[in-house]
Protein backbone atom coordinates (compact mmCIF):
# COMPACT_ATOMS: atom_id res chain seq x y z
CA MET A 1 -5.97 -1.44 14.91
CA ARG A 2 -3.79 -4.10 12.97
CA PHE A 3 -0.50 -2.99 10.80
CA ALA A 4 0.77 -5.26 8.34
CA SER A 5 3.70 -4.23 5.94
CA PHE A 6 3.78 -6.20 2.59
CA GLY A 7 7.04 -4.99 1.63
CA SER A 8 10.18 -2.48 2.20
CA GLY A 9 12.87 -1.99 0.01
CA SER A 10 14.15 -0.83 -3.33
CA GLU A 11 11.08 -2.54 -5.02
CA GLY A 12 8.68 -0.37 -2.99
CA ASN A 13 7.22 0.13 0.27
CA GLY A 14 3.63 -0.64 1.54
CA LEU A 15 1.77 -0.80 4.88
CA LEU A 16 -1.72 -1.98 5.40
CA VAL A 17 -3.63 -0.33 8.10
CA LYS A 18 -6.88 -1.96 9.38
CA ALA A 19 -9.18 -0.72 12.35
CA ALA A 20 -12.35 -2.07 13.27
CA SER A 21 -15.01 -0.26 15.53
CA GLY A 22 -18.53 -2.47 15.81
CA THR A 23 -19.65 -3.22 12.49
CA THR A 24 -17.46 -0.92 10.70
CA THR A 25 -13.86 -1.73 9.30
CA THR A 26 -11.65 0.58 7.70
CA ARG A 27 -8.57 -0.27 5.48
CA VAL A 28 -5.93 2.34 4.54
CA LEU A 29 -2.84 1.44 2.19
CA LEU A 30 0.17 3.59 2.90
CA ASP A 31 2.99 4.60 0.52
CA CYS A 32 2.81 1.93 -1.98
CA GLY A 33 5.74 2.15 -4.24
CA PHE A 34 4.98 -1.18 -5.96
CA SER A 35 3.25 -1.63 -9.28
CA GLY A 36 -0.70 -2.07 -9.30
CA LYS A 37 -0.38 -5.90 -10.14
CA GLU A 38 2.25 -6.33 -7.50
CA ALA A 39 0.37 -4.31 -4.69
CA GLN A 40 -2.54 -6.14 -5.51
CA ARG A 41 -1.14 -9.46 -5.45
CA ARG A 42 0.59 -8.39 -1.92
CA LEU A 43 -2.63 -7.21 -0.69
CA GLU A 44 -4.40 -10.33 -1.42
CA ARG A 45 -1.67 -12.33 0.52
CA LEU A 46 -2.94 -10.42 3.53
CA GLY A 47 -6.33 -11.25 2.80
CA CYS A 48 -7.46 -7.90 1.58
CA GLY A 49 -8.63 -7.01 -1.88
CA ALA A 50 -7.68 -3.66 -3.65
CA ASP A 51 -11.70 -2.97 -3.59
CA GLU A 52 -11.83 -3.30 0.12
CA LEU A 53 -9.36 -0.51 0.63
CA ASP A 54 -11.24 3.01 1.90
CA ALA A 55 -8.02 5.02 1.06
CA ILE A 56 -4.52 5.13 -0.27
CA VAL A 57 -1.89 7.61 1.31
CA ILE A 58 1.01 8.25 -0.77
CA CYS A 59 3.62 9.79 1.51
CA MET A 60 6.24 10.93 -0.85
CA SER A 61 6.82 10.76 -4.75
CA ILE A 62 10.34 10.82 -6.25
CA ARG A 63 10.92 11.61 -10.08
CA ILE A 64 14.40 10.67 -11.00
CA THR A 65 15.44 11.73 -14.57
CA SER A 66 18.90 11.66 -16.29
CA VAL A 67 19.62 14.08 -19.09
CA ALA A 68 22.63 13.15 -21.46
CA ARG A 69 24.58 16.16 -22.81
């Protein structure tokens, strides 16, 4: 099993987990807060295309809104 962080901070977080067993390889993206284009760019830097992902796990979603009164 291999882990690769492709970002952590105020812009977003992302962790790619890759596990291989025999001829089967599974790739899972954990908690990606980046935009779609940025996530794809960062995945490609790690040698993984978005179409190669088997799953995406979103750990937390925060919606921040402000109301002027």
